[in-house]
Amino acid sequence: MNTRDHWQKSSYSGAGDGNSCVEIAHRPTRIAIRDSKTPARATLTFPAEVFTAFVEALKENPGP
């Protein structure tokens, strides 16, 4: 089964073309991630719960 993903850019991608960012696509059980500068290249996929935990950890520890 081949379905078309709906890719979304981060709200942090900034003004202009916003091509310096990552995009994500929600799939039924996984989250797909790709580089917005090269969308035709490979994507990474993670189980939805793992990606959610990753994002929550970033929010708690944003770094310098």
Protein backbone atom coordinates (compact mmCIF):
# COMPACT_ATOMS: atom_id res chain seq x y z
CA MET A 1 0.00 0.00 0.00
CA ASN A 2 1.51 3.33 -1.09
CA THR A 3 0.01 6.48 0.39
CA ARG A 4 0.97 10.09 -0.06
CA ASP A 5 2.39 11.68 3.09
CA HIS A 6 1.32 15.12 4.25
CA TRP A 7 4.59 16.83 5.20
CA GLN A 8 4.63 19.71 7.67
CA LYS A 9 7.49 22.13 8.30
CA SER A 10 8.40 23.25 11.76
CA SER A 11 7.00 26.59 12.91
CA TYR A 12 10.64 27.47 13.67
CA SER A 13 11.69 27.33 10.00
CA GLY A 14 11.51 31.13 9.78
CA ALA A 15 10.50 33.63 7.17
CA GLY A 16 11.15 33.38 3.45
CA ASP A 17 11.29 29.97 1.83
CA GLY A 18 11.83 28.24 5.20
CA ASN A 19 14.04 25.59 3.64
CA SER A 20 16.49 25.31 6.53
CA CYS A 21 14.43 22.94 8.57
CA VAL A 22 13.07 19.46 8.95
CA GLU A 23 9.63 18.27 7.96
CA ILE A 24 7.54 15.57 9.58
CA ALA A 25 4.71 13.38 8.34
CA HIS A 26 2.34 11.49 10.62
CA ARG A 27 1.71 7.90 9.61
CA PRO A 28 -0.65 5.53 11.42
CA THR A 29 1.99 4.10 13.78
CA ARG A 30 5.16 5.98 12.86
CA ILE A 31 6.51 9.50 12.38
CA ALA A 32 8.59 10.21 9.27
CA ILE A 33 11.25 12.96 9.21
CA ARG A 34 13.11 14.45 6.25
CA ASP A 35 15.37 17.40 5.43
CA SER A 36 13.33 20.16 3.77
CA LYS A 37 16.33 21.12 1.59
CA THR A 38 16.42 17.67 0.00
CA PRO A 39 12.90 16.21 0.25
CA ALA A 40 13.47 13.54 -2.40
CA ARG A 41 16.27 11.93 -0.41
CA ALA A 42 15.94 9.40 2.40
CA THR A 43 13.61 9.82 5.35
CA LEU A 44 13.92 8.57 8.89
CA THR A 45 10.96 6.89 10.58
CA PHE A 46 10.35 6.29 14.26
CA PRO A 47 7.56 4.65 16.22
CA ALA A 48 5.14 7.44 17.23
CA GLU A 49 5.68 6.93 20.97
CA VAL A 50 9.47 7.13 20.60
CA PHE A 51 9.26 10.36 18.62
CA THR A 52 6.86 11.86 21.18
CA ALA A 53 9.25 11.00 24.02
CA PHE A 54 12.12 12.58 22.05
CA VAL A 55 10.23 15.85 21.51
CA GLU A 56 9.19 15.98 25.17
CA ALA A 57 12.81 15.48 26.24
CA LEU A 58 13.87 18.36 23.99
CA LYS A 59 11.25 20.61 25.56
CA GLU A 60 12.48 19.76 29.06
CA ASN A 61 16.18 20.20 28.16
CA PRO A 62 16.44 22.78 25.35
CA GLY A 63 20.19 23.10 25.70
CA PRO A 64 22.32 26.28 25.58
